[in-house]
């Protein structure tokens, strides 16, 4: 019986050791060593995918209801986050009146940012959208300087100047130039910069009015998307998208709803990753990472949507992407 007992003891000891190793491995998964890097990578993937899918819905399907698309995407996010919270998978803060009042200003900017992005994508190709988004970095840097007294060195300003030149030259040489689309995109740049600058400050204020004294990313996603629903419904009527939705045959296609729903999942991903990334870094870093992901996004946009381009326009786009990389390097040196 002794060998059996020893074997049982060895088996029990092995089981305990395996449990300890599993626990250790579990701890390694939870304790992420560099959340700034991981959150930045996740933001890049979700951001690129979101732009391409939105462009596909609006252009390839010729869907002329960008506000409804935004509304549906936000509804998907609310349903998923609410379901996960109800099942106890995640925890979210109750949406109290005090919290809503604090968050409402940033939500108006959030909705405006999404809508102007939808409208610009309908008229402008993805590559030019990515180059024009460089203007956001300029506005954000100026905003941080005046709002937070943050100073940037000469290399950063040189990169920002190159971004402005690339945006102007890209617009001049754009074979598919559309004034309305460019107007929407410039407006989007101002709103995106305002969102990244305002969100960081509102995060700190919002924490003070919650019951727990904290506000995690899922709570912010739920708050942002829930508040956008009534505003989105109003804007659908204001922009007279109801008549179009009633008459369009696209809403009868199951494949179209499948793509729309997929875009809703991406909308949730970009809402979560953008707030996670802002939590780990700052507004200008948030913008510079957006500059770096423009390189694969521009190439994918030109190839997937077969965008007509010229040598001059391609050079302008490439110049703008290099300016974004130069900006990223300058910011890294400034932070070090």
Foldseek 3Di string as FASTA:
>chain_A
DVVVVVVVVVVVVVVVVVVVVVVVVVVCVVPDPALLVVLLVLLLVLVLVLLVLLLCLCAVVVDDQQLVLVLLLLVLLLVVLVVCCVVVVDPAFDPDPVLLVLCVVLLVLVSLLSSLSSLLSNQDFLLLLLLLLLVLLVLLVVCCCVVVVDDADPLLVVLSVLSVVLNVLLQVQAPRHDPRSSVSSNVSSNSLSVSQQVVVVSLQVSLVPTPVSHGALSNVSNSSSVVVNVVSVVVCVVVVVPVVVVPDCLVVDPVSVVSSSVSSVSVSSNSSSLVSNCVSDGSSLSSLSSLQSSVVSSVCRCVVVVRDGDPSSVVSSVSSSVSSVSNVVSVVVVVD
